[in-house]
Amino acid sequence: MPDCSTQVSHICASECHSNHCNLSIKSPFGCSTRLYHKRISSLSGLWRRGAIYQYRVRIPSDLAGSLRKTHISRSLQTASINVARRSVRKMAYDIECWFDRLRQQAGSSVALASD
């Protein structure tokens, strides 16, 4: 029987080195499958939980104390990587806007307290 091989590879352009997994399977017939995966750096915070993609972001240190959390996790409610890639950008923007509003509210509270 001829040797056969399958190789699947996911890497980012900058050859990032975080969160990689290397899996190699050999069959008794001389065939092999190799899977290599690296997280795409431009989609930082995109994770899969079961079949559904999630977005997870660290709360900035200036807000972490008042929120009493270190991270925010939100479901993207999709099992499709293509939909998740589009959704994660909007989710990240919405959360950053929320961080900005919290900072403005905190600034207003400090200004009112000092008057």
PDB file of N, CA and C in Angstrom:
ATOM      1  N   MET A   1       0.846  -1.172   0.000  1.00  0.00           N
ATOM      2  CA  MET A   1       0.000   0.000   0.000  1.00  0.00           C
ATOM      3  C   MET A   1       0.899   1.246   0.000  1.00  0.00           C
ATOM      4  N   PRO A   2       0.584   2.287  -0.794  1.00  0.00           N
ATOM      5  CA  PRO A   2       1.426   3.483  -0.867  1.00  0.00           C
ATOM      6  C   PRO A   2       1.326   4.314   0.414  1.00  0.00           C
ATOM      7  N   ASP A   3       2.406   5.017   0.714  1.00  0.00           N
ATOM      8  CA  ASP A   3       2.392   5.954   1.841  1.00  0.00           C
ATOM      9  C   ASP A   3       1.520   7.147   1.491  1.00  0.00           C
ATOM     10  N   CYS A   4       0.723   7.581   2.426  1.00  0.00           N
ATOM     11  CA  CYS A   4      -0.103   8.774   2.211  1.00  0.00           C
ATOM     12  C   CYS A   4       0.045   9.679   3.417  1.00  0.00           C
ATOM     13  N   SER A   5      -0.266  10.942   3.221  1.00  0.00           N
ATOM     14  CA  SER A   5      -0.059  11.910   4.291  1.00  0.00           C
ATOM     15  C   SER A   5      -1.050  13.052   4.159  1.00  0.00           C
ATOM     16  N   THR A   6      -1.514  13.560   5.296  1.00  0.00           N
ATOM     17  CA  THR A   6      -2.354  14.756   5.336  1.00  0.00           C
ATOM     18  C   THR A   6      -1.753  15.686   6.363  1.00  0.00           C
ATOM     19  N   GLN A   7      -1.602  16.946   6.016  1.00  0.00           N
ATOM     20  CA  GLN A   7      -1.066  17.922   6.968  1.00  0.00           C
ATOM     21  C   GLN A   7      -1.957  19.146   6.943  1.00  0.00           C
ATOM     22  N   VAL A   8      -2.456  19.508   8.108  1.00  0.00           N
ATOM     23  CA  VAL A   8      -3.295  20.690   8.241  1.00  0.00           C
ATOM     24  C   VAL A   8      -2.527  21.676   9.090  1.00  0.00           C
ATOM     25  N   SER A   9      -2.474  22.919   8.659  1.00  0.00           N
ATOM     26  CA  SER A   9      -1.655  23.895   9.365  1.00  0.00           C
ATOM     27  C   SER A   9      -2.395  25.211   9.472  1.00  0.00           C
ATOM     28  N   HIS A  10      -2.408  25.805  10.662  1.00  0.00           N
ATOM     29  CA  HIS A  10      -2.986  27.133  10.886  1.00  0.00           C
ATOM     30  C   HIS A  10      -1.942  27.951  11.613  1.00  0.00           C
ATOM     31  N   ILE A  11      -1.351  28.938  10.967  1.00  0.00           N
ATOM     32  CA  ILE A  11      -0.375  29.799  11.631  1.00  0.00           C
ATOM     33  C   ILE A  11      -0.623  31.237  11.210  1.00  0.00           C
ATOM     34  N   CYS A  12      -0.228  32.160  12.035  1.00  0.00           N
ATOM     35  CA  CYS A  12      -0.387  33.571  11.693  1.00  0.00           C
ATOM     36  C   CYS A  12       0.849  34.045  10.925  1.00  0.00           C
ATOM     37  N   ALA A  13       0.704  35.152  10.279  1.00  0.00           N
ATOM     38  CA  ALA A  13       1.789  35.668   9.447  1.00  0.00           C
ATOM     39  C   ALA A  13       3.032  35.999  10.259  1.00  0.00           C
ATOM     40  N   SER A  14       2.843  36.413  11.494  1.00  0.00           N
ATOM     41  CA  SER A  14       3.990  36.794  12.319  1.00  0.00           C
ATOM     42  C   SER A  14       4.619  35.597  13.023  1.00  0.00           C
ATOM     43  N   GLU A  15       4.122  34.386  12.730  1.00  0.00           N
ATOM     44  CA  GLU A  15       4.652  33.163  13.340  1.00  0.00           C
ATOM     45  C   GLU A  15       4.612  33.240  14.859  1.00  0.00           C
ATOM     46  N   CYS A  16       3.437  33.627  15.394  1.00  0.00           N
ATOM     47  CA  CYS A  16       3.315  33.735  16.837  1.00  0.00           C
ATOM     48  C   CYS A  16       3.549  32.381  17.496  1.00  0.00           C
ATOM     49  N   HIS A  17       4.021  32.403  18.726  1.00  0.00           N
ATOM     50  CA  HIS A  17       4.394  31.169  19.402  1.00  0.00           C
ATOM     51  C   HIS A  17       3.482  30.816  20.563  1.00  0.00           C
ATOM     52  N   SER A  18       2.373  31.527  20.735  1.00  0.00           N
ATOM     53  CA  SER A  18       1.511  31.240  21.877  1.00  0.00           C
ATOM     54  C   SER A  18       0.417  30.251  21.499  1.00  0.00           C
ATOM     55  N   ASN A  19       0.041  29.432  22.461  1.00  0.00           N
ATOM     56  CA  ASN A  19      -1.089  28.506  22.347  1.00  0.00           C
ATOM     57  C   ASN A  19      -1.048  27.642  21.098  1.00  0.00           C
ATOM     58  N   HIS A  20      -0.027  26.846  20.976  1.00  0.00           N
ATOM     59  CA  HIS A  20       0.027  25.968  19.825  1.00  0.00           C
ATOM     60  C   HIS A  20      -0.156  24.524  20.258  1.00  0.00           C
ATOM     61  N   CYS A  21      -0.632  23.722  19.342  1.00  0.00           N
ATOM     62  CA  CYS A  21      -0.893  22.317  19.608  1.00  0.00           C
ATOM     63  C   CYS A  21      -0.342  21.518  18.434  1.00  0.00           C
ATOM     64  N   ASN A  22       0.349  20.474  18.720  1.00  0.00           N
ATOM     65  CA  ASN A  22       0.939  19.647  17.680  1.00  0.00           C
ATOM     66  C   ASN A  22       0.415  18.230  17.862  1.00  0.00           C
ATOM     67  N   LEU A  23      -0.296  17.679  16.883  1.00  0.00           N
ATOM     68  CA  LEU A  23      -0.879  16.360  16.967  1.00  0.00           C
ATOM     69  C   LEU A  23      -0.481  15.582  15.726  1.00  0.00           C
ATOM     70  N   SER A  24       0.041  14.397  15.918  1.00  0.00           N
ATOM     71  CA  SER A  24       0.439  13.559  14.806  1.00  0.00           C
ATOM     72  C   SER A  24      -0.126  12.166  15.029  1.00  0.00           C
ATOM     73  N   ILE A  25      -0.799  11.613  14.035  1.00  0.00           N
ATOM     74  CA  ILE A  25      -1.423  10.293  14.145  1.00  0.00           C
ATOM     75  C   ILE A  25      -0.893   9.407  13.025  1.00  0.00           C
ATOM     76  N   LYS A  26      -0.436   8.230  13.378  1.00  0.00           N
ATOM     77  CA  LYS A  26       0.017   7.253  12.389  1.00  0.00           C
ATOM     78  C   LYS A  26      -0.951   6.081  12.390  1.00  0.00           C
ATOM     79  N   SER A  27      -1.311   5.628  11.218  1.00  0.00           N
ATOM     80  CA  SER A  27      -2.191   4.467  11.120  1.00  0.00           C
ATOM     81  C   SER A  27      -1.347   3.224  10.855  1.00  0.00           C
ATOM     82  N   PRO A  28      -1.908   2.037  11.069  1.00  0.00           N
ATOM     83  CA  PRO A  28      -1.156   0.818  10.819  1.00  0.00           C
ATOM     84  C   PRO A  28      -0.850   0.598   9.337  1.00  0.00           C
ATOM     85  N   PHE A  29      -1.482   1.380   8.464  1.00  0.00           N
ATOM     86  CA  PHE A  29      -1.282   1.216   7.021  1.00  0.00           C
ATOM     87  C   PHE A  29      -0.169   2.087   6.468  1.00  0.00           C
ATOM     88  N   GLY A  30       0.542   2.797   7.323  1.00  0.00           N
ATOM     89  CA  GLY A  30       1.635   3.655   6.876  1.00  0.00           C
ATOM     90  C   GLY A  30       1.191   5.068   6.534  1.00  0.00           C
ATOM     91  N   CYS A  31      -0.084   5.373   6.713  1.00  0.00           N
ATOM     92  CA  CYS A  31      -0.582   6.723   6.457  1.00  0.00           C
ATOM     93  C   CYS A  31      -0.424   7.554   7.727  1.00  0.00           C
ATOM     94  N   SER A  32      -0.318   8.841   7.568  1.00  0.00           N
ATOM     95  CA  SER A  32      -0.229   9.697   8.752  1.00  0.00           C
ATOM     96  C   SER A  32      -1.030  10.972   8.550  1.00  0.00           C
ATOM     97  N   THR A  33      -1.503  11.513   9.656  1.00  0.00           N
ATOM     98  CA  THR A  33      -2.206  12.789   9.662  1.00  0.00           C
ATOM     99  C   THR A  33      -1.517  13.667  10.683  1.00  0.00           C
ATOM    100  N   ARG A  34      -1.202  14.871  10.314  1.00  0.00           N
ATOM    101  CA  ARG A  34      -0.532  15.798  11.219  1.00  0.00           C
ATOM    102  C   ARG A  34      -1.351  17.079  11.287  1.00  0.00           C
ATOM    103  N   LEU A  35      -1.647  17.507  12.485  1.00  0.00           N
ATOM    104  CA  LEU A  35      -2.423  18.717  12.699  1.00  0.00           C
ATOM    105  C   LEU A  35      -1.582  19.673  13.528  1.00  0.00           C
ATOM    106  N   TYR A  36      -1.438  20.888  13.056  1.00  0.00           N
ATOM    107  CA  TYR A  36      -0.686  21.900  13.783  1.00  0.00           C
ATOM    108  C   TYR A  36      -1.524  23.160  13.819  1.00  0.00           C
ATOM    109  N   HIS A  37      -1.750  23.688  15.000  1.00  0.00           N
ATOM    110  CA  HIS A  37      -2.614  24.848  15.139  1.00  0.00           C
ATOM    111  C   HIS A  37      -1.948  25.915  16.001  1.00  0.00           C
ATOM    112  N   LYS A  38      -2.038  27.148  15.571  1.00  0.00           N
ATOM    113  CA  LYS A  38      -1.626  28.290  16.377  1.00  0.00           C
ATOM    114  C   LYS A  38      -2.750  29.314  16.351  1.00  0.00           C
ATOM    115  N   ARG A  39      -2.921  29.968  17.488  1.00  0.00           N
ATOM    116  CA  ARG A  39      -3.948  30.997  17.566  1.00  0.00           C
ATOM    117  C   ARG A  39      -3.564  32.164  16.673  1.00  0.00           C
ATOM    118  N   ILE A  40      -4.522  32.734  16.001  1.00  0.00           N
ATOM    119  CA  ILE A  40      -4.278  33.880  15.125  1.00  0.00           C
ATOM    120  C   ILE A  40      -4.186  35.131  15.989  1.00  0.00           C
ATOM    121  N   SER A  41      -3.048  35.811  15.927  1.00  0.00           N
ATOM    122  CA  SER A  41      -2.807  36.942  16.826  1.00  0.00           C
ATOM    123  C   SER A  41      -3.802  38.078  16.617  1.00  0.00           C
ATOM    124  N   SER A  42      -4.298  38.265  15.408  1.00  0.00           N
ATOM    125  CA  SER A  42      -5.234  39.360  15.170  1.00  0.00           C
ATOM    126  C   SER A  42      -6.597  39.090  15.798  1.00  0.00           C
ATOM    127  N   LEU A  43      -6.839  37.850  16.203  1.00  0.00           N
ATOM    128  CA  LEU A  43      -8.112  37.504  16.824  1.00  0.00           C
ATOM    129  C   LEU A  43      -7.904  37.148  18.292  1.00  0.00           C
ATOM    130  N   SER A  44      -7.078  37.898  18.942  1.00  0.00           N
ATOM    131  CA  SER A  44      -6.797  37.665  20.350  1.00  0.00           C
ATOM    132  C   SER A  44      -8.093  37.686  21.151  1.00  0.00           C
ATOM    133  N   GLY A  45      -8.248  36.707  22.031  1.00  0.00           N
ATOM    134  CA  GLY A  45      -9.442  36.629  22.851  1.00  0.00           C
ATOM    135  C   GLY A  45     -10.510  35.728  22.287  1.00  0.00           C
ATOM    136  N   LEU A  46     -10.332  35.220  21.089  1.00  0.00           N
ATOM    137  CA  LEU A  46     -11.316  34.334  20.470  1.00  0.00           C
ATOM    138  C   LEU A  46     -11.003  32.901  20.885  1.00  0.00           C
ATOM    139  N   TRP A  47     -11.958  32.255  21.543  1.00  0.00           N
ATOM    140  CA  TRP A  47     -11.799  30.894  22.023  1.00  0.00           C
ATOM    141  C   TRP A  47     -13.018  30.078  21.673  1.00  0.00           C
ATOM    142  N   ARG A  48     -12.840  28.783  21.643  1.00  0.00           N
ATOM    143  CA  ARG A  48     -13.969  27.894  21.387  1.00  0.00           C
ATOM    144  C   ARG A  48     -14.268  27.110  22.660  1.00  0.00           C
ATOM    145  N   ARG A  49     -15.508  27.146  23.090  1.00  0.00           N
ATOM    146  CA  ARG A  49     -15.957  26.386  24.250  1.00  0.00           C
ATOM    147  C   ARG A  49     -16.977  25.383  23.753  1.00  0.00           C
ATOM    148  N   GLY A  50     -16.587  24.122  23.706  1.00  0.00           N
ATOM    149  CA  GLY A  50     -17.438  23.115  23.068  1.00  0.00           C
ATOM    150  C   GLY A  50     -17.467  23.426  21.584  1.00  0.00           C
ATOM    151  N   ALA A  51     -18.652  23.643  21.051  1.00  0.00           N
ATOM    152  CA  ALA A  51     -18.781  23.974  19.633  1.00  0.00           C
ATOM    153  C   ALA A  51     -18.977  25.466  19.403  1.00  0.00           C
ATOM    154  N   ILE A  52     -19.154  26.244  20.473  1.00  0.00           N
ATOM    155  CA  ILE A  52     -19.497  27.661  20.360  1.00  0.00           C
ATOM    156  C   ILE A  52     -18.278  28.536  20.642  1.00  0.00           C
ATOM    157  N   TYR A  53     -18.087  29.551  19.811  1.00  0.00           N
ATOM    158  CA  TYR A  53     -16.970  30.486  19.989  1.00  0.00           C
ATOM    159  C   TYR A  53     -17.310  31.528  21.052  1.00  0.00           C
ATOM    160  N   GLN A  54     -16.283  31.909  21.815  1.00  0.00           N
ATOM    161  CA  GLN A  54     -16.399  32.864  22.901  1.00  0.00           C
ATOM    162  C   GLN A  54     -15.372  33.971  22.707  1.00  0.00           C
ATOM    163  N   TYR A  55     -15.640  35.118  23.314  1.00  0.00           N
ATOM    164  CA  TYR A  55     -14.660  36.197  23.357  1.00  0.00           C
ATOM    165  C   TYR A  55     -14.337  36.457  24.819  1.00  0.00           C
ATOM    166  N   ARG A  56     -13.060  36.492  25.158  1.00  0.00           N
ATOM    167  CA  ARG A  56     -12.616  36.725  26.531  1.00  0.00           C
ATOM    168  C   ARG A  56     -11.565  37.827  26.511  1.00  0.00           C
ATOM    169  N   VAL A  57     -11.749  38.811  27.395  1.00  0.00           N
ATOM    170  CA  VAL A  57     -10.832  39.943  27.452  1.00  0.00           C
ATOM    171  C   VAL A  57     -10.536  40.282  28.919  1.00  0.00           C
ATOM    172  N   ARG A  58      -9.311  40.687  29.174  1.00  0.00           N
ATOM    173  CA  ARG A  58      -8.919  41.113  30.521  1.00  0.00           C
ATOM    174  C   ARG A  58      -9.475  42.513  30.764  1.00  0.00           C
ATOM    175  N   ILE A  59      -9.999  42.718  31.954  1.00  0.00           N
ATOM    176  CA  ILE A  59     -10.489  44.038  32.344  1.00  0.00           C
ATOM    177  C   ILE A  59      -9.276  44.894  32.701  1.00  0.00           C
ATOM    178  N   PRO A  60      -9.194  46.119  32.184  1.00  0.00           N
ATOM    179  CA  PRO A  60      -8.059  46.991  32.509  1.00  0.00           C
ATOM    180  C   PRO A  60      -7.924  47.175  34.020  1.00  0.00           C
ATOM    181  N   SER A  61      -6.697  47.313  34.479  1.00  0.00           N
ATOM    182  CA  SER A  61      -6.421  47.366  35.920  1.00  0.00           C
ATOM    183  C   SER A  61      -7.138  48.526  36.614  1.00  0.00           C
ATOM    184  N   ASP A  62      -7.331  49.648  35.922  1.00  0.00           N
ATOM    185  CA  ASP A  62      -8.002  50.780  36.559  1.00  0.00           C
ATOM    186  C   ASP A  62      -9.496  50.527  36.790  1.00  0.00           C
ATOM    187  N   LEU A  63     -10.070  49.520  36.128  1.00  0.00           N
ATOM    188  CA  LEU A  63     -11.492  49.196  36.299  1.00  0.00           C
ATOM    189  C   LEU A  63     -11.719  47.891  37.051  1.00  0.00           C
ATOM    190  N   ALA A  64     -10.696  47.062  37.118  1.00  0.00           N
ATOM    191  CA  ALA A  64     -10.850  45.719  37.697  1.00  0.00           C
ATOM    192  C   ALA A  64     -11.314  45.772  39.153  1.00  0.00           C
ATOM    193  N   GLY A  65     -10.804  46.713  39.925  1.00  0.00           N
ATOM    194  CA  GLY A  65     -11.198  46.809  41.332  1.00  0.00           C
ATOM    195  C   GLY A  65     -12.675  47.114  41.504  1.00  0.00           C
ATOM    196  N   SER A  66     -13.193  48.066  40.742  1.00  0.00           N
ATOM    197  CA  SER A  66     -14.599  48.446  40.882  1.00  0.00           C
ATOM    198  C   SER A  66     -15.542  47.386  40.305  1.00  0.00           C
ATOM    199  N   LEU A  67     -15.092  46.634  39.312  1.00  0.00           N
ATOM    200  CA  LEU A  67     -15.936  45.583  38.720  1.00  0.00           C
ATOM    201  C   LEU A  67     -15.798  44.257  39.462  1.00  0.00           C
ATOM    202  N   ARG A  68     -14.739  44.141  40.278  1.00  0.00           N
ATOM    203  CA  ARG A  68     -14.474  42.925  41.052  1.00  0.00           C
ATOM    204  C   ARG A  68     -14.341  41.689  40.173  1.00  0.00           C
ATOM    205  N   LYS A  69     -13.756  41.881  39.022  1.00  0.00           N
ATOM    206  CA  LYS A  69     -13.478  40.794  38.076  1.00  0.00           C
ATOM    207  C   LYS A  69     -12.136  41.067  37.426  1.00  0.00           C
ATOM    208  N   THR A  70     -11.545  40.029  36.845  1.00  0.00           N
ATOM    209  CA  THR A  70     -10.310  40.222  36.082  1.00  0.00           C
ATOM    210  C   THR A  70     -10.541  40.057  34.584  1.00  0.00           C
ATOM    211  N   HIS A  71     -11.602  39.340  34.203  1.00  0.00           N
ATOM    212  CA  HIS A  71     -11.897  39.078  32.789  1.00  0.00           C
ATOM    213  C   HIS A  71     -13.393  39.192  32.522  1.00  0.00           C
ATOM    214  N   ILE A  72     -13.706  39.415  31.267  1.00  0.00           N
ATOM    215  CA  ILE A  72     -15.087  39.358  30.783  1.00  0.00           C
ATOM    216  C   ILE A  72     -15.121  38.312  29.686  1.00  0.00           C
ATOM    217  N   SER A  73     -16.084  37.410  29.765  1.00  0.00           N
ATOM    218  CA  SER A  73     -16.281  36.398  28.725  1.00  0.00           C
ATOM    219  C   SER A  73     -17.682  36.558  28.167  1.00  0.00           C
ATOM    220  N   ARG A  74     -17.779  36.544  26.860  1.00  0.00           N
ATOM    221  CA  ARG A  74     -19.075  36.649  26.192  1.00  0.00           C
ATOM    222  C   ARG A  74     -19.158  35.606  25.084  1.00  0.00           C
ATOM    223  N   SER A  75     -20.320  35.005  24.955  1.00  0.00           N
ATOM    224  CA  SER A  75     -20.546  34.048  23.882  1.00  0.00           C
ATOM    225  C   SER A  75     -20.793  34.789  22.576  1.00  0.00           C
ATOM    226  N   LEU A  76     -20.211  34.286  21.507  1.00  0.00           N
ATOM    227  CA  LEU A  76     -20.483  34.846  20.179  1.00  0.00           C
ATOM    228  C   LEU A  76     -21.652  34.128  19.520  1.00  0.00           C
ATOM    229  N   GLN A  77     -22.178  33.103  20.181  1.00  0.00           N
ATOM    230  CA  GLN A  77     -23.374  32.362  19.784  1.00  0.00           C
ATOM    231  C   GLN A  77     -23.291  31.812  18.371  1.00  0.00           C
ATOM    232  N   THR A  78     -22.118  31.292  18.012  1.00  0.00           N
ATOM    233  CA  THR A  78     -21.950  30.673  16.707  1.00  0.00           C
ATOM    234  C   THR A  78     -20.903  29.564  16.785  1.00  0.00           C
ATOM    235  N   ALA A  79     -21.085  28.570  15.945  1.00  0.00           N
ATOM    236  CA  ALA A  79     -20.103  27.493  15.816  1.00  0.00           C
ATOM    237  C   ALA A  79     -19.255  27.702  14.558  1.00  0.00           C
ATOM    238  N   SER A  80     -19.557  28.737  13.798  1.00  0.00           N
ATOM    239  CA  SER A  80     -18.845  29.032  12.550  1.00  0.00           C
ATOM    240  C   SER A  80     -17.673  29.966  12.814  1.00  0.00           C
ATOM    241  N   ILE A  81     -16.484  29.548  12.417  1.00  0.00           N
ATOM    242  CA  ILE A  81     -15.308  30.401  12.601  1.00  0.00           C
ATOM    243  C   ILE A  81     -15.425  31.688  11.784  1.00  0.00           C
ATOM    244  N   ASN A  82     -16.028  31.613  10.615  1.00  0.00           N
ATOM    245  CA  ASN A  82     -16.165  32.809   9.772  1.00  0.00           C
ATOM    246  C   ASN A  82     -17.087  33.844  10.417  1.00  0.00           C
ATOM    247  N   VAL A  83     -18.200  33.391  10.988  1.00  0.00           N
ATOM    248  CA  VAL A  83     -19.112  34.304  11.683  1.00  0.00           C
ATOM    249  C   VAL A  83     -18.442  34.825  12.951  1.00  0.00           C
ATOM    250  N   ALA A  84     -17.723  33.962  13.658  1.00  0.00           N
ATOM    251  CA  ALA A  84     -17.029  34.367  14.887  1.00  0.00           C
ATOM    252  C   ALA A  84     -15.993  35.441  14.597  1.00  0.00           C
ATOM    253  N   ARG A  85     -15.267  35.301  13.512  1.00  0.00           N
ATOM    254  CA  ARG A  85     -14.254  36.304  13.152  1.00  0.00           C
ATOM    255  C   ARG A  85     -14.875  37.677  12.931  1.00  0.00           C
ATOM    256  N   ARG A  86     -16.050  37.701  12.319  1.00  0.00           N
ATOM    257  CA  ARG A  86     -16.728  38.987  12.111  1.00  0.00           C
ATOM    258  C   ARG A  86     -17.297  39.516  13.425  1.00  0.00           C
ATOM    259  N   SER A  87     -17.885  38.626  14.215  1.00  0.00           N
ATOM    260  CA  SER A  87     -18.548  39.029  15.459  1.00  0.00           C
ATOM    261  C   SER A  87     -17.565  39.498  16.526  1.00  0.00           C
ATOM    262  N   VAL A  88     -16.383  38.892  16.575  1.00  0.00           N
ATOM    263  CA  VAL A  88     -15.429  39.221  17.640  1.00  0.00           C
ATOM    264  C   VAL A  88     -14.965  40.670  17.539  1.00  0.00           C
ATOM    265  N   ARG A  89     -14.871  41.196  16.348  1.00  0.00           N
ATOM    266  CA  ARG A  89     -14.448  42.596  16.184  1.00  0.00           C
ATOM    267  C   ARG A  89     -15.495  43.551  16.771  1.00  0.00           C
ATOM    268  N   LYS A  90     -16.761  43.275  16.491  1.00  0.00           N
ATOM    269  CA  LYS A  90     -17.828  44.123  17.022  1.00  0.00           C
ATOM    270  C   LYS A  90     -17.914  43.972  18.536  1.00  0.00           C
ATOM    271  N   MET A  91     -17.791  42.750  19.030  1.00  0.00           N
ATOM    272  CA  MET A  91     -17.842  42.506  20.474  1.00  0.00           C
ATOM    273  C   MET A  91     -16.700  43.244  21.177  1.00  0.00           C
ATOM    274  N   ALA A  92     -15.496  43.191  20.627  1.00  0.00           N
ATOM    275  CA  ALA A  92     -14.338  43.869  21.217  1.00  0.00           C
ATOM    276  C   ALA A  92     -14.573  45.383  21.246  1.00  0.00           C
ATOM    277  N   TYR A  93     -15.110  45.924  20.163  1.00  0.00           N
ATOM    278  CA  TYR A  93     -15.406  47.358  20.096  1.00  0.00           C
ATOM    279  C   TYR A  93     -16.444  47.747  21.150  1.00  0.00           C
ATOM    280  N   ASP A  94     -17.523  46.965  21.260  1.00  0.00           N
ATOM    281  CA  ASP A  94     -18.578  47.254  22.229  1.00  0.00           C
ATOM    282  C   ASP A  94     -18.042  47.237  23.661  1.00  0.00           C
ATOM    283  N   ILE A  95     -17.185  46.263  23.977  1.00  0.00           N
ATOM    284  CA  ILE A  95     -16.637  46.171  25.332  1.00  0.00           C
ATOM    285  C   ILE A  95     -15.681  47.333  25.608  1.00  0.00           C
ATOM    286  N   GLU A  96     -14.870  47.714  24.618  1.00  0.00           N
ATOM    287  CA  GLU A  96     -13.981  48.873  24.806  1.00  0.00           C
ATOM    288  C   GLU A  96     -14.779  50.154  25.018  1.00  0.00           C
ATOM    289  N   CYS A  97     -15.882  50.318  24.305  1.00  0.00           N
ATOM    290  CA  CYS A  97     -16.754  51.490  24.510  1.00  0.00           C
ATOM    291  C   CYS A  97     -17.343  51.472  25.916  1.00  0.00           C
ATOM    292  N   TRP A  98     -17.715  50.290  26.406  1.00  0.00           N
ATOM    293  CA  TRP A  98     -18.238  50.158  27.756  1.00  0.00           C
ATOM    294  C   TRP A  98     -17.174  50.545  28.778  1.00  0.00           C
ATOM    295  N   PHE A  99     -15.913  50.110  28.560  1.00  0.00           N
ATOM    296  CA  PHE A  99     -14.812  50.506  29.445  1.00  0.00           C
ATOM    297  C   PHE A  99     -14.673  52.026  29.466  1.00  0.00           C
ATOM    298  N   ASP A 100     -14.759  52.648  28.302  1.00  0.00           N
ATOM    299  CA  ASP A 100     -14.643  54.118  28.221  1.00  0.00           C
ATOM    300  C   ASP A 100     -15.768  54.813  28.987  1.00  0.00           C
ATOM    301  N   ARG A 101     -17.011  54.298  28.852  1.00  0.00           N
ATOM    302  CA  ARG A 101     -18.139  54.893  29.591  1.00  0.00           C
ATOM    303  C   ARG A 101     -17.937  54.756  31.096  1.00  0.00           C
ATOM    304  N   LEU A 102     -17.433  53.601  31.545  1.00  0.00           N
ATOM    305  CA  LEU A 102     -17.179  53.412  32.980  1.00  0.00           C
ATOM    306  C   LEU A 102     -16.128  54.397  33.484  1.00  0.00           C
ATOM    307  N   ARG A 103     -15.096  54.620  32.673  1.00  0.00           N
ATOM    308  CA  ARG A 103     -14.062  55.589  33.069  1.00  0.00           C
ATOM    309  C   ARG A 103     -14.633  57.001  33.164  1.00  0.00           C
ATOM    310  N   GLN A 104     -15.489  57.372  32.204  1.00  0.00           N
ATOM    311  CA  GLN A 104     -16.100  58.707  32.225  1.00  0.00           C
ATOM    312  C   GLN A 104     -17.005  58.878  33.446  1.00  0.00           C
ATOM    313  N   GLN A 105     -17.766  57.815  33.764  1.00  0.00           N
ATOM    314  CA  GLN A 105     -18.637  57.877  34.941  1.00  0.00           C
ATOM    315  C   GLN A 105     -17.812  57.995  36.208  1.00  0.00           C
ATOM    316  N   ALA A 106     -16.731  57.262  36.286  1.00  0.00           N
ATOM    317  CA  ALA A 106     -15.848  57.332  37.458  1.00  0.00           C
ATOM    318  C   ALA A 106     -15.239  58.724  37.579  1.00  0.00           C
ATOM    319  N   GLY A 107     -14.863  59.318  36.439  1.00  0.00           N
ATOM    320  CA  GLY A 107     -14.316  60.677  36.436  1.00  0.00           C
ATOM    321  C   GLY A 107     -15.354  61.700  36.886  1.00  0.00           C
ATOM    322  N   SER A 108     -16.592  61.521  36.468  1.00  0.00           N
ATOM    323  CA  SER A 108     -17.662  62.432  36.878  1.00  0.00           C
ATOM    324  C   SER A 108     -17.934  62.318  38.369  1.00  0.00           C
ATOM    325  N   SER A 109     -17.886  61.095  38.895  1.00  0.00           N
ATOM    326  CA  SER A 109     -18.127  60.880  40.325  1.00  0.00           C
ATOM    327  C   SER A 109     -17.047  61.540  41.157  1.00  0.00           C
ATOM    328  N   VAL A 110     -15.804  61.440  40.719  1.00  0.00           N
ATOM    329  CA  VAL A 110     -14.677  62.047  41.431  1.00  0.00           C
ATOM    330  C   VAL A 110     -14.812  63.574  41.402  1.00  0.00           C
ATOM    331  N   ALA A 111     -15.186  64.133  40.248  1.00  0.00           N
ATOM    332  CA  ALA A 111     -15.330  65.584  40.122  1.00  0.00           C
ATOM    333  C   ALA A 111     -16.457  66.105  41.013  1.00  0.00           C
ATOM    334  N   LEU A 112     -17.580  65.370  41.092  1.00  0.00           N
ATOM    335  CA  LEU A 112     -18.698  65.796  41.923  1.00  0.00           C
ATOM    336  C   LEU A 112     -18.350  65.694  43.403  1.00  0.00           C
ATOM    337  N   ALA A 113     -17.596  64.669  43.777  1.00  0.00           N
ATOM    338  CA  ALA A 113     -17.217  64.492  45.183  1.00  0.00           C
ATOM    339  C   ALA A 113     -16.263  65.584  45.661  1.00  0.00           C
ATOM    340  N   SER A 114     -15.444  66.101  44.764  1.00  0.00           N
ATOM    341  CA  SER A 114     -14.468  67.119  45.169  1.00  0.00           C
ATOM    342  C   SER A 114     -15.058  68.527  45.189  1.00  0.00           C
ATOM    343  N   ASP A 115     -16.250  68.723  44.610  1.00  0.00           N
ATOM    344  CA  ASP A 115     -16.886  70.065  44.596  1.00  0.00           C
ATOM    345  C   ASP A 115     -17.507  70.417  45.905  1.00  0.00           C
TER     346      ASP A 115
END
